[in-house]
Amino acid sequence: MDVKSRVRHLLLIVLVMAATLLAVGWMMEDPDYSTAIFAGAIGLVIGEIIHYMRKKDRPKP
């Protein structure tokens, strides 16, 4: 995997993590550090699942 495609996949993962953190911030009145870590972990898992599903569908070079 070349660097450009890996950066795109990492950007997707970071965007999903940020969206999850923003959603938790909007839903909770006073989020704490453990909630932020939990939300970041959920975002990381969702981003990695999306990355895996896209990678699985691509033909091997």
Protein backbone atom coordinates (compact mmCIF):
# COMPACT_ATOMS: atom_id res chain seq x y z
CA MET A 1 0.00 0.00 0.00
CA ASP A 2 1.47 3.32 -1.01
CA VAL A 3 1.73 6.29 1.34
CA LYS A 4 -0.96 8.34 -0.41
CA SER A 5 -3.66 5.69 -0.03
CA ARG A 6 -2.66 4.99 3.58
CA VAL A 7 -2.93 8.70 4.42
CA ARG A 8 -6.45 8.73 2.91
CA HIS A 9 -7.44 5.75 5.07
CA LEU A 10 -5.93 7.29 8.19
CA LEU A 11 -7.74 10.54 7.43
CA LEU A 12 -11.02 8.61 7.27
CA ILE A 13 -10.31 7.01 10.65
CA VAL A 14 -9.45 10.38 12.22
CA LEU A 15 -12.62 11.95 10.78
CA VAL A 16 -14.79 9.16 12.19
CA MET A 17 -13.11 9.54 15.59
CA ALA A 18 -13.69 13.31 15.51
CA ALA A 19 -17.33 12.86 14.52
CA THR A 20 -17.84 10.44 17.40
CA LEU A 21 -16.24 12.83 19.88
CA LEU A 22 -18.40 15.70 18.59
CA ALA A 23 -21.55 13.59 18.84
CA VAL A 24 -20.78 12.69 22.45
CA GLY A 25 -20.04 16.33 23.22
CA TRP A 26 -23.40 17.37 21.81
CA MET A 27 -25.35 14.58 23.53
CA MET A 28 -23.86 14.96 27.00
CA GLU A 29 -24.03 18.14 29.02
CA ASP A 30 -20.72 17.67 30.84
CA PRO A 31 -18.56 14.89 29.29
CA ASP A 32 -15.48 13.78 31.24
CA TYR A 33 -12.18 12.19 30.19
CA SER A 34 -13.39 8.60 30.45
CA THR A 35 -16.34 9.40 28.17
CA ALA A 36 -13.99 11.04 25.66
CA ILE A 37 -11.67 8.03 25.70
CA PHE A 38 -14.61 5.67 25.27
CA ALA A 39 -16.00 7.75 22.37
CA GLY A 40 -12.55 7.89 20.75
CA ALA A 41 -12.24 4.12 21.03
CA ILE A 42 -15.65 3.64 19.42
CA GLY A 43 -14.66 6.02 16.62
CA LEU A 44 -11.39 4.15 16.11
CA VAL A 45 -13.18 0.81 15.89
CA ILE A 46 -15.76 2.16 13.43
CA GLY A 47 -13.02 3.75 11.31
CA GLU A 48 -10.97 0.55 11.26
CA ILE A 49 -14.05 -1.48 10.28
CA ILE A 50 -14.71 0.90 7.38
CA HIS A 51 -11.03 0.67 6.37
CA TYR A 52 -11.12 -3.15 6.52
CA MET A 53 -14.34 -3.37 4.49
CA ARG A 54 -12.91 -1.11 1.77
CA LYS A 55 -9.63 -3.01 1.73
CA LYS A 56 -11.42 -6.35 1.51
CA ASP A 57 -13.37 -5.29 -1.60
CA ARG A 58 -10.28 -4.09 -3.49
CA PRO A 59 -8.60 -6.53 -5.88
CA LYS A 60 -5.10 -7.60 -4.91
CA PRO A 61 -2.32 -6.13 -7.11
